[in-house]
Amino acid sequence: VRFPADRSSFEHGKALAAAAKDLGRNVAVLGSTDLTHYGQNFG
């Protein structure tokens, strides 16, 4: 799944926990980001 860069994603994460609990799932979450993209290639 991919989430947008806004406050809704924090709530989406909480909804994921609720969905996993509803189903009795033991879930591990790995969020994915790089940090600053610096230089002329990135403007």
ModelCIF file with pLDDT and N, C-alpha, C, O atoms, coordinates in Angstrom:
data_MODEL
#
_entry.id   MODEL 
#
_entity.id                         1 
_entity.type                       polymer 
_entity.pdbx_number_of_molecules   1 
#
_entity_poly.entity_id                      1 
_entity_poly.type                           'polypeptide(L)' 
_entity_poly.nstd_linkage                   no 
_entity_poly.nstd_monomer                   no 
_entity_poly.pdbx_seq_one_letter_code       VRFPADRSSFEHGKALAAAAKDLGRNVAVLGSTDLTHYGQNFG 
_entity_poly.pdbx_seq_one_letter_code_can   VRFPADRSSFEHGKALAAAAKDLGRNVAVLGSTDLTHYGQNFG 
_entity_poly.pdbx_strand_id                 A 
#
loop_
_entity_poly_seq.entity_id 
_entity_poly_seq.num 
_entity_poly_seq.mon_id 
_entity_poly_seq.hetero 
1 1  VAL n 
1 2  ARG n 
1 3  PHE n 
1 4  PRO n 
1 5  ALA n 
1 6  ASP n 
1 7  ARG n 
1 8  SER n 
1 9  SER n 
1 10 PHE n 
1 11 GLU n 
1 12 HIS n 
1 13 GLY n 
1 14 LYS n 
1 15 ALA n 
1 16 LEU n 
1 17 ALA n 
1 18 ALA n 
1 19 ALA n 
1 20 ALA n 
1 21 LYS n 
1 22 ASP n 
1 23 LEU n 
1 24 GLY n 
1 25 ARG n 
1 26 ASN n 
1 27 VAL n 
1 28 ALA n 
1 29 VAL n 
1 30 LEU n 
1 31 GLY n 
1 32 SER n 
1 33 THR n 
1 34 ASP n 
1 35 LEU n 
1 36 THR n 
1 37 HIS n 
1 38 TYR n 
1 39 GLY n 
1 40 GLN n 
1 41 ASN n 
1 42 PHE n 
1 43 GLY n 
#
_struct_asym.id          A 
_struct_asym.entity_id   1 
#
loop_
_ma_qa_metric.id 
_ma_qa_metric.mode 
_ma_qa_metric.name 
_ma_qa_metric.software_group_id 
_ma_qa_metric.type 
1 global pLDDT . pLDDT 
2 local  pLDDT . pLDDT 
#
_ma_qa_metric_global.metric_id      1 
_ma_qa_metric_global.metric_value   97.60 
_ma_qa_metric_global.model_id       1 
_ma_qa_metric_global.ordinal_id     1 
#
loop_
_ma_qa_metric_local.label_asym_id 
_ma_qa_metric_local.label_comp_id 
_ma_qa_metric_local.label_seq_id 
_ma_qa_metric_local.metric_id 
_ma_qa_metric_local.metric_value 
_ma_qa_metric_local.model_id 
_ma_qa_metric_local.ordinal_id 
A VAL 1  2 98.00 1 1  
A ARG 2  2 98.00 1 2  
A PHE 3  2 98.00 1 3  
A PRO 4  2 98.00 1 4  
A ALA 5  2 98.00 1 5  
A ASP 6  2 97.00 1 6  
A ARG 7  2 96.00 1 7  
A SER 8  2 98.00 1 8  
A SER 9  2 98.00 1 9  
A PHE 10 2 98.00 1 10 
A GLU 11 2 98.00 1 11 
A HIS 12 2 98.00 1 12 
A GLY 13 2 98.00 1 13 
A LYS 14 2 98.00 1 14 
A ALA 15 2 98.00 1 15 
A LEU 16 2 98.00 1 16 
A ALA 17 2 98.00 1 17 
A ALA 18 2 98.00 1 18 
A ALA 19 2 98.00 1 19 
A ALA 20 2 98.00 1 20 
A LYS 21 2 98.00 1 21 
A ASP 22 2 97.00 1 22 
A LEU 23 2 98.00 1 23 
A GLY 24 2 97.00 1 24 
A ARG 25 2 97.00 1 25 
A ASN 26 2 98.00 1 26 
A VAL 27 2 98.00 1 27 
A ALA 28 2 98.00 1 28 
A VAL 29 2 98.00 1 29 
A LEU 30 2 98.00 1 30 
A GLY 31 2 98.00 1 31 
A SER 32 2 98.00 1 32 
A THR 33 2 98.00 1 33 
A ASP 34 2 98.00 1 34 
A LEU 35 2 98.00 1 35 
A THR 36 2 98.00 1 36 
A HIS 37 2 98.00 1 37 
A TYR 38 2 98.00 1 38 
A GLY 39 2 97.00 1 39 
A GLN 40 2 94.00 1 40 
A ASN 41 2 95.00 1 41 
A PHE 42 2 97.00 1 42 
A GLY 43 2 96.00 1 43 
#
loop_
_atom_site.group_PDB 
_atom_site.id 
_atom_site.type_symbol 
_atom_site.label_atom_id 
_atom_site.label_alt_id 
_atom_site.label_comp_id 
_atom_site.label_asym_id 
_atom_site.label_entity_id 
_atom_site.label_seq_id 
_atom_site.pdbx_PDB_ins_code 
_atom_site.Cartn_x 
_atom_site.Cartn_y 
_atom_site.Cartn_z 
_atom_site.occupancy 
_atom_site.B_iso_or_equiv 
_atom_site.pdbx_formal_charge 
_atom_site.auth_seq_id 
_atom_site.auth_comp_id 
_atom_site.auth_asym_id 
_atom_site.auth_atom_id 
_atom_site.pdbx_PDB_model_num 
ATOM 1   N N  . VAL A 1 1  ? 0.849   -1.176  0.000   1.00 98.00 ? 1  VAL A N  1 
ATOM 2   C CA . VAL A 1 1  ? 0.000   0.000   0.000   1.00 98.00 ? 1  VAL A CA 1 
ATOM 3   C C  . VAL A 1 1  ? 0.890   1.233   0.000   1.00 98.00 ? 1  VAL A C  1 
ATOM 4   O O  . VAL A 1 1  ? 2.004   1.202   0.522   1.00 98.00 ? 1  VAL A O  1 
ATOM 5   N N  . ARG A 1 2  ? 0.391   2.327   -0.591  1.00 98.00 ? 2  ARG A N  1 
ATOM 6   C CA . ARG A 1 2  ? 1.117   3.596   -0.558  1.00 98.00 ? 2  ARG A CA 1 
ATOM 7   C C  . ARG A 1 2  ? 0.168   4.687   -0.068  1.00 98.00 ? 2  ARG A C  1 
ATOM 8   O O  . ARG A 1 2  ? -0.993  4.751   -0.473  1.00 98.00 ? 2  ARG A O  1 
ATOM 9   N N  . PHE A 1 3  ? 0.693   5.551   0.822   1.00 98.00 ? 3  PHE A N  1 
ATOM 10  C CA . PHE A 1 3  ? -0.117  6.587   1.454   1.00 98.00 ? 3  PHE A CA 1 
ATOM 11  C C  . PHE A 1 3  ? 0.342   7.971   0.999   1.00 98.00 ? 3  PHE A C  1 
ATOM 12  O O  . PHE A 1 3  ? 1.518   8.156   0.685   1.00 98.00 ? 3  PHE A O  1 
ATOM 13  N N  . PRO A 1 4  ? -0.577  8.951   0.959   1.00 98.00 ? 4  PRO A N  1 
ATOM 14  C CA . PRO A 1 4  ? -0.231  10.320  0.544   1.00 98.00 ? 4  PRO A CA 1 
ATOM 15  C C  . PRO A 1 4  ? 0.449   11.109  1.654   1.00 98.00 ? 4  PRO A C  1 
ATOM 16  O O  . PRO A 1 4  ? 0.362   10.756  2.830   1.00 98.00 ? 4  PRO A O  1 
ATOM 17  N N  . ALA A 1 5  ? 1.117   12.169  1.267   1.00 98.00 ? 5  ALA A N  1 
ATOM 18  C CA . ALA A 1 5  ? 1.852   13.012  2.218   1.00 98.00 ? 5  ALA A CA 1 
ATOM 19  C C  . ALA A 1 5  ? 0.920   14.051  2.833   1.00 98.00 ? 5  ALA A C  1 
ATOM 20  O O  . ALA A 1 5  ? 1.038   15.246  2.563   1.00 98.00 ? 5  ALA A O  1 
ATOM 21  N N  . ASP A 1 6  ? -0.006  13.578  3.664   1.00 97.00 ? 6  ASP A N  1 
ATOM 22  C CA . ASP A 1 6  ? -0.876  14.486  4.409   1.00 97.00 ? 6  ASP A CA 1 
ATOM 23  C C  . ASP A 1 6  ? -1.315  13.816  5.705   1.00 97.00 ? 6  ASP A C  1 
ATOM 24  O O  . ASP A 1 6  ? -1.001  12.651  5.950   1.00 97.00 ? 6  ASP A O  1 
ATOM 25  N N  . ARG A 1 7  ? -2.039  14.555  6.527   1.00 96.00 ? 7  ARG A N  1 
ATOM 26  C CA . ARG A 1 7  ? -2.392  14.084  7.863   1.00 96.00 ? 7  ARG A CA 1 
ATOM 27  C C  . ARG A 1 7  ? -3.266  12.823  7.825   1.00 96.00 ? 7  ARG A C  1 
ATOM 28  O O  . ARG A 1 7  ? -3.279  12.049  8.782   1.00 96.00 ? 7  ARG A O  1 
ATOM 29  N N  . SER A 1 8  ? -3.990  12.618  6.728   1.00 98.00 ? 8  SER A N  1 
ATOM 30  C CA . SER A 1 8  ? -4.842  11.437  6.647   1.00 98.00 ? 8  SER A CA 1 
ATOM 31  C C  . SER A 1 8  ? -4.049  10.150  6.830   1.00 98.00 ? 8  SER A C  1 
ATOM 32  O O  . SER A 1 8  ? -4.593  9.154   7.307   1.00 98.00 ? 8  SER A O  1 
ATOM 33  N N  . SER A 1 9  ? -2.777  10.154  6.460   1.00 98.00 ? 9  SER A N  1 
ATOM 34  C CA . SER A 1 9  ? -1.997  8.919   6.511   1.00 98.00 ? 9  SER A CA 1 
ATOM 35  C C  . SER A 1 9  ? -1.761  8.455   7.944   1.00 98.00 ? 9  SER A C  1 
ATOM 36  O O  . SER A 1 9  ? -1.663  7.253   8.191   1.00 98.00 ? 9  SER A O  1 
ATOM 37  N N  . PHE A 1 10 ? -1.669  9.375   8.881   1.00 98.00 ? 10 PHE A N  1 
ATOM 38  C CA . PHE A 1 10 ? -1.567  8.979   10.288  1.00 98.00 ? 10 PHE A CA 1 
ATOM 39  C C  . PHE A 1 10 ? -2.826  8.217   10.700  1.00 98.00 ? 10 PHE A C  1 
ATOM 40  O O  . PHE A 1 10 ? -2.746  7.209   11.403  1.00 98.00 ? 10 PHE A O  1 
ATOM 41  N N  . GLU A 1 11 ? -3.984  8.701   10.262  1.00 98.00 ? 11 GLU A N  1 
ATOM 42  C CA . GLU A 1 11 ? -5.241  8.022   10.551  1.00 98.00 ? 11 GLU A CA 1 
ATOM 43  C C  . GLU A 1 11 ? -5.331  6.698   9.800   1.00 98.00 ? 11 GLU A C  1 
ATOM 44  O O  . GLU A 1 11 ? -5.885  5.728   10.316  1.00 98.00 ? 11 GLU A O  1 
ATOM 45  N N  . HIS A 1 12 ? -4.786  6.653   8.576   1.00 98.00 ? 12 HIS A N  1 
ATOM 46  C CA . HIS A 1 12 ? -4.763  5.392   7.822   1.00 98.00 ? 12 HIS A CA 1 
ATOM 47  C C  . HIS A 1 12 ? -3.954  4.336   8.582   1.00 98.00 ? 12 HIS A C  1 
ATOM 48  O O  . HIS A 1 12 ? -4.322  3.162   8.614   1.00 98.00 ? 12 HIS A O  1 
ATOM 49  N N  . GLY A 1 13 ? -2.849  4.770   9.191   1.00 98.00 ? 13 GLY A N  1 
ATOM 50  C CA . GLY A 1 13 ? -2.045  3.835   9.974   1.00 98.00 ? 13 GLY A CA 1 
ATOM 51  C C  . GLY A 1 13 ? -2.812  3.281   11.158  1.00 98.00 ? 13 GLY A C  1 
ATOM 52  O O  . GLY A 1 13 ? -2.695  2.100   11.484  1.00 98.00 ? 13 GLY A O  1 
ATOM 53  N N  . LYS A 1 14 ? -3.597  4.132   11.801  1.00 98.00 ? 14 LYS A N  1 
ATOM 54  C CA . LYS A 1 14 ? -4.426  3.663   12.907  1.00 98.00 ? 14 LYS A CA 1 
ATOM 55  C C  . LYS A 1 14 ? -5.519  2.726   12.408  1.00 98.00 ? 14 LYS A C  1 
ATOM 56  O O  . LYS A 1 14 ? -5.863  1.753   13.079  1.00 98.00 ? 14 LYS A O  1 
ATOM 57  N N  . ALA A 1 15 ? -6.066  3.020   11.225  1.00 98.00 ? 15 ALA A N  1 
ATOM 58  C CA . ALA A 1 15 ? -7.080  2.141   10.636  1.00 98.00 ? 15 ALA A CA 1 
ATOM 59  C C  . ALA A 1 15 ? -6.488  0.778   10.296  1.00 98.00 ? 15 ALA A C  1 
ATOM 60  O O  . ALA A 1 15 ? -7.164  -0.243  10.429  1.00 98.00 ? 15 ALA A O  1 
ATOM 61  N N  . LEU A 1 16 ? -5.238  0.755   9.861   1.00 98.00 ? 16 LEU A N  1 
ATOM 62  C CA . LEU A 1 16 ? -4.560  -0.513  9.593   1.00 98.00 ? 16 LEU A CA 1 
ATOM 63  C C  . LEU A 1 16 ? -4.469  -1.353  10.865  1.00 98.00 ? 16 LEU A C  1 
ATOM 64  O O  . LEU A 1 16 ? -4.726  -2.556  10.840  1.00 98.00 ? 16 LEU A O  1 
ATOM 65  N N  . ALA A 1 17 ? -4.108  -0.722  11.961  1.00 98.00 ? 17 ALA A N  1 
ATOM 66  C CA . ALA A 1 17 ? -4.035  -1.449  13.235  1.00 98.00 ? 17 ALA A CA 1 
ATOM 67  C C  . ALA A 1 17 ? -5.401  -2.003  13.622  1.00 98.00 ? 17 ALA A C  1 
ATOM 68  O O  . ALA A 1 17 ? -5.502  -3.125  14.117  1.00 98.00 ? 17 ALA A O  1 
ATOM 69  N N  . ALA A 1 18 ? -6.452  -1.215  13.397  1.00 98.00 ? 18 ALA A N  1 
ATOM 70  C CA . ALA A 1 18 ? -7.798  -1.676  13.732  1.00 98.00 ? 18 ALA A CA 1 
ATOM 71  C C  . ALA A 1 18 ? -8.224  -2.838  12.846  1.00 98.00 ? 18 ALA A C  1 
ATOM 72  O O  . ALA A 1 18 ? -8.830  -3.798  13.322  1.00 98.00 ? 18 ALA A O  1 
ATOM 73  N N  . ALA A 1 19 ? -7.907  -2.753  11.555  1.00 98.00 ? 19 ALA A N  1 
ATOM 74  C CA . ALA A 1 19 ? -8.254  -3.836  10.636  1.00 98.00 ? 19 ALA A CA 1 
ATOM 75  C C  . ALA A 1 19 ? -7.527  -5.118  11.004  1.00 98.00 ? 19 ALA A C  1 
ATOM 76  O O  . ALA A 1 19 ? -8.114  -6.199  10.969  1.00 98.00 ? 19 ALA A O  1 
ATOM 77  N N  . ALA A 1 20 ? -6.260  -5.004  11.356  1.00 98.00 ? 20 ALA A N  1 
ATOM 78  C CA . ALA A 1 20 ? -5.490  -6.182  11.758  1.00 98.00 ? 20 ALA A CA 1 
ATOM 79  C C  . ALA A 1 20 ? -6.070  -6.793  13.030  1.00 98.00 ? 20 ALA A C  1 
ATOM 80  O O  . ALA A 1 20 ? -6.161  -8.014  13.152  1.00 98.00 ? 20 ALA A O  1 
ATOM 81  N N  . LYS A 1 21 ? -6.461  -5.945  13.973  1.00 98.00 ? 21 LYS A N  1 
ATOM 82  C CA . LYS A 1 21 ? -7.051  -6.441  15.219  1.00 98.00 ? 21 LYS A CA 1 
ATOM 83  C C  . LYS A 1 21 ? -8.369  -7.156  14.951  1.00 98.00 ? 21 LYS A C  1 
ATOM 84  O O  . LYS A 1 21 ? -8.643  -8.204  15.535  1.00 98.00 ? 21 LYS A O  1 
ATOM 85  N N  . ASP A 1 22 ? -9.191  -6.583  14.059  1.00 97.00 ? 22 ASP A N  1 
ATOM 86  C CA . ASP A 1 22 ? -10.476 -7.197  13.719  1.00 97.00 ? 22 ASP A CA 1 
ATOM 87  C C  . ASP A 1 22 ? -10.293 -8.611  13.184  1.00 97.00 ? 22 ASP A C  1 
ATOM 88  O O  . ASP A 1 22 ? -11.110 -9.494  13.445  1.00 97.00 ? 22 ASP A O  1 
ATOM 89  N N  . LEU A 1 23 ? -9.205  -8.820  12.429  1.00 98.00 ? 23 LEU A N  1 
ATOM 90  C CA . LEU A 1 23 ? -8.961  -10.112 11.796  1.00 98.00 ? 23 LEU A CA 1 
ATOM 91  C C  . LEU A 1 23 ? -8.062  -11.025 12.621  1.00 98.00 ? 23 LEU A C  1 
ATOM 92  O O  . LEU A 1 23 ? -7.815  -12.168 12.236  1.00 98.00 ? 23 LEU A O  1 
ATOM 93  N N  . GLY A 1 24 ? -7.572  -10.528 13.754  1.00 97.00 ? 24 GLY A N  1 
ATOM 94  C CA . GLY A 1 24 ? -6.657  -11.322 14.564  1.00 97.00 ? 24 GLY A CA 1 
ATOM 95  C C  . GLY A 1 24 ? -5.295  -11.502 13.932  1.00 97.00 ? 24 GLY A C  1 
ATOM 96  O O  . GLY A 1 24 ? -4.623  -12.506 14.171  1.00 97.00 ? 24 GLY A O  1 
ATOM 97  N N  . ARG A 1 25 ? -4.884  -10.538 13.129  1.00 97.00 ? 25 ARG A N  1 
ATOM 98  C CA . ARG A 1 25 ? -3.596  -10.615 12.457  1.00 97.00 ? 25 ARG A CA 1 
ATOM 99  C C  . ARG A 1 25 ? -2.482  -10.073 13.341  1.00 97.00 ? 25 ARG A C  1 
ATOM 100 O O  . ARG A 1 25 ? -2.656  -9.070  14.032  1.00 97.00 ? 25 ARG A O  1 
ATOM 101 N N  . ASN A 1 26 ? -1.340  -10.745 13.313  1.00 98.00 ? 26 ASN A N  1 
ATOM 102 C CA . ASN A 1 26 ? -0.107  -10.218 13.886  1.00 98.00 ? 26 ASN A CA 1 
ATOM 103 C C  . ASN A 1 26 ? 0.647   -9.550  12.738  1.00 98.00 ? 26 ASN A C  1 
ATOM 104 O O  . ASN A 1 26 ? 1.213   -10.227 11.880  1.00 98.00 ? 26 ASN A O  1 
ATOM 105 N N  . VAL A 1 27 ? 0.650   -8.231  12.731  1.00 98.00 ? 27 VAL A N  1 
ATOM 106 C CA . VAL A 1 27 ? 1.143   -7.454  11.595  1.00 98.00 ? 27 VAL A CA 1 
ATOM 107 C C  . VAL A 1 27 ? 2.411   -6.710  11.973  1.00 98.00 ? 27 VAL A C  1 
ATOM 108 O O  . VAL A 1 27 ? 2.520   -6.174  13.076  1.00 98.00 ? 27 VAL A O  1 
ATOM 109 N N  . ALA A 1 28 ? 3.370   -6.680  11.054  1.00 98.00 ? 28 ALA A N  1 
ATOM 110 C CA . ALA A 1 28 ? 4.568   -5.844  11.174  1.00 98.00 ? 28 ALA A CA 1 
ATOM 111 C C  . ALA A 1 28 ? 4.559   -4.844  10.028  1.00 98.00 ? 28 ALA A C  1 
ATOM 112 O O  . ALA A 1 28 ? 4.270   -5.205  8.887   1.00 98.00 ? 28 ALA A O  1 
ATOM 113 N N  . VAL A 1 29 ? 4.874   -3.593  10.328  1.00 98.00 ? 29 VAL A N  1 
ATOM 114 C CA . VAL A 1 29 ? 4.771   -2.511  9.344   1.00 98.00 ? 29 VAL A CA 1 
ATOM 115 C C  . VAL A 1 29 ? 6.147   -1.930  9.052   1.00 98.00 ? 29 VAL A C  1 
ATOM 116 O O  . VAL A 1 29 ? 6.936   -1.666  9.959   1.00 98.00 ? 29 VAL A O  1 
ATOM 117 N N  . LEU A 1 30 ? 6.414   -1.739  7.772   1.00 98.00 ? 30 LEU A N  1 
ATOM 118 C CA . LEU A 1 30 ? 7.654   -1.114  7.328   1.00 98.00 ? 30 LEU A CA 1 
ATOM 119 C C  . LEU A 1 30 ? 7.300   0.078   6.446   1.00 98.00 ? 30 LEU A C  1 
ATOM 120 O O  . LEU A 1 30 ? 6.872   -0.091  5.304   1.00 98.00 ? 30 LEU A O  1 
ATOM 121 N N  . GLY A 1 31 ? 7.484   1.299   6.987   1.00 98.00 ? 31 GLY A N  1 
ATOM 122 C CA . GLY A 1 31 ? 7.287   2.507   6.201   1.00 98.00 ? 31 GLY A CA 1 
ATOM 123 C C  . GLY A 1 31 ? 8.515   2.789   5.352   1.00 98.00 ? 31 GLY A C  1 
ATOM 124 O O  . GLY A 1 31 ? 9.623   2.395   5.715   1.00 98.00 ? 31 GLY A O  1 
ATOM 125 N N  . SER A 1 32 ? 8.331   3.463   4.231   1.00 98.00 ? 32 SER A N  1 
ATOM 126 C CA . SER A 1 32 ? 9.398   3.590   3.236   1.00 98.00 ? 32 SER A CA 1 
ATOM 127 C C  . SER A 1 32 ? 9.577   5.034   2.793   1.00 98.00 ? 32 SER A C  1 
ATOM 128 O O  . SER A 1 32 ? 8.677   5.621   2.192   1.00 98.00 ? 32 SER A O  1 
ATOM 129 N N  . THR A 1 33 ? 10.753  5.613   3.092   1.00 98.00 ? 33 THR A N  1 
ATOM 130 C CA . THR A 1 33 ? 11.062  6.953   2.588   1.00 98.00 ? 33 THR A CA 1 
ATOM 131 C C  . THR A 1 33 ? 12.562  7.150   2.471   1.00 98.00 ? 33 THR A C  1 
ATOM 132 O O  . THR A 1 33 ? 13.333  6.578   3.242   1.00 98.00 ? 33 THR A O  1 
ATOM 133 N N  . ASP A 1 34 ? 12.970  7.955   1.513   1.00 98.00 ? 34 ASP A N  1 
ATOM 134 C CA . ASP A 1 34 ? 14.305  8.542   1.496   1.00 98.00 ? 34 ASP A CA 1 
ATOM 135 C C  . ASP A 1 34 ? 14.204  9.959   2.040   1.00 98.00 ? 34 ASP A C  1 
ATOM 136 O O  . ASP A 1 34 ? 13.108  10.507  2.162   1.00 98.00 ? 34 ASP A O  1 
ATOM 137 N N  . LEU A 1 35 ? 15.347  10.550  2.366   1.00 98.00 ? 35 LEU A N  1 
ATOM 138 C CA . LEU A 1 35 ? 15.346  11.892  2.951   1.00 98.00 ? 35 LEU A CA 1 
ATOM 139 C C  . LEU A 1 35 ? 15.701  12.927  1.869   1.00 98.00 ? 35 LEU A C  1 
ATOM 140 O O  . LEU A 1 35 ? 15.263  12.791  0.726   1.00 98.00 ? 35 LEU A O  1 
ATOM 141 N N  . THR A 1 36 ? 16.474  13.938  2.208   1.00 98.00 ? 36 THR A N  1 
ATOM 142 C CA . THR A 1 36 ? 16.725  15.042  1.284   1.00 98.00 ? 36 THR A CA 1 
ATOM 143 C C  . THR A 1 36 ? 17.345  14.574  -0.033  1.00 98.00 ? 36 THR A C  1 
ATOM 144 O O  . THR A 1 36 ? 18.312  13.812  -0.041  1.00 98.00 ? 36 THR A O  1 
ATOM 145 N N  . HIS A 1 37 ? 16.784  15.033  -1.124  1.00 98.00 ? 37 HIS A N  1 
ATOM 146 C CA . HIS A 1 37 ? 17.352  14.834  -2.459  1.00 98.00 ? 37 HIS A CA 1 
ATOM 147 C C  . HIS A 1 37 ? 18.012  16.162  -2.844  1.00 98.00 ? 37 HIS A C  1 
ATOM 148 O O  . HIS A 1 37 ? 17.336  17.129  -3.192  1.00 98.00 ? 37 HIS A O  1 
ATOM 149 N N  . TYR A 1 38 ? 19.327  16.185  -2.774  1.00 98.00 ? 38 TYR A N  1 
ATOM 150 C CA . TYR A 1 38 ? 20.060  17.454  -2.924  1.00 98.00 ? 38 TYR A CA 1 
ATOM 151 C C  . TYR A 1 38 ? 20.868  17.459  -4.224  1.00 98.00 ? 38 TYR A C  1 
ATOM 152 O O  . TYR A 1 38 ? 21.476  16.457  -4.598  1.00 98.00 ? 38 TYR A O  1 
ATOM 153 N N  . GLY A 1 39 ? 20.860  18.611  -4.905  1.00 97.00 ? 39 GLY A N  1 
ATOM 154 C CA . GLY A 1 39 ? 21.728  18.776  -6.064  1.00 97.00 ? 39 GLY A CA 1 
ATOM 155 C C  . GLY A 1 39 ? 20.975  19.164  -7.314  1.00 97.00 ? 39 GLY A C  1 
ATOM 156 O O  . GLY A 1 39 ? 19.747  19.243  -7.322  1.00 97.00 ? 39 GLY A O  1 
ATOM 157 N N  . GLN A 1 40 ? 21.722  19.402  -8.359  1.00 94.00 ? 40 GLN A N  1 
ATOM 158 C CA . GLN A 1 40 ? 21.129  19.864  -9.610  1.00 94.00 ? 40 GLN A CA 1 
ATOM 159 C C  . GLN A 1 40 ? 20.195  18.828  -10.220 1.00 94.00 ? 40 GLN A C  1 
ATOM 160 O O  . GLN A 1 40 ? 19.225  19.190  -10.885 1.00 94.00 ? 40 GLN A O  1 
ATOM 161 N N  . ASN A 1 41 ? 20.472  17.554  -10.003 1.00 95.00 ? 41 ASN A N  1 
ATOM 162 C CA . ASN A 1 41 ? 19.584  16.518  -10.535 1.00 95.00 ? 41 ASN A CA 1 
ATOM 163 C C  . ASN A 1 41 ? 18.180  16.626  -9.967  1.00 95.00 ? 41 ASN A C  1 
ATOM 164 O O  . ASN A 1 41 ? 17.217  16.176  -10.587 1.00 95.00 ? 41 ASN A O  1 
ATOM 165 N N  . PHE A 1 42 ? 18.063  17.227  -8.776  1.00 97.00 ? 42 PHE A N  1 
ATOM 166 C CA . PHE A 1 42 ? 16.771  17.305  -8.102  1.00 97.00 ? 42 PHE A CA 1 
ATOM 167 C C  . PHE A 1 42 ? 16.240  18.736  -8.020  1.00 97.00 ? 42 PHE A C  1 
ATOM 168 O O  . PHE A 1 42 ? 15.169  18.968  -7.460  1.00 97.00 ? 42 PHE A O  1 
ATOM 169 N N  . GLY A 1 43 ? 16.977  19.685  -8.570  1.00 96.00 ? 43 GLY A N  1 
ATOM 170 C CA . GLY A 1 43 ? 16.540  21.075  -8.548  1.00 96.00 ? 43 GLY A CA 1 
ATOM 171 C C  . GLY A 1 43 ? 16.496  21.669  -7.158  1.00 96.00 ? 43 GLY A C  1 
ATOM 172 O O  . GLY A 1 43 ? 16.143  22.838  -6.997  1.00 96.00 ? 43 GLY A O  1 
#
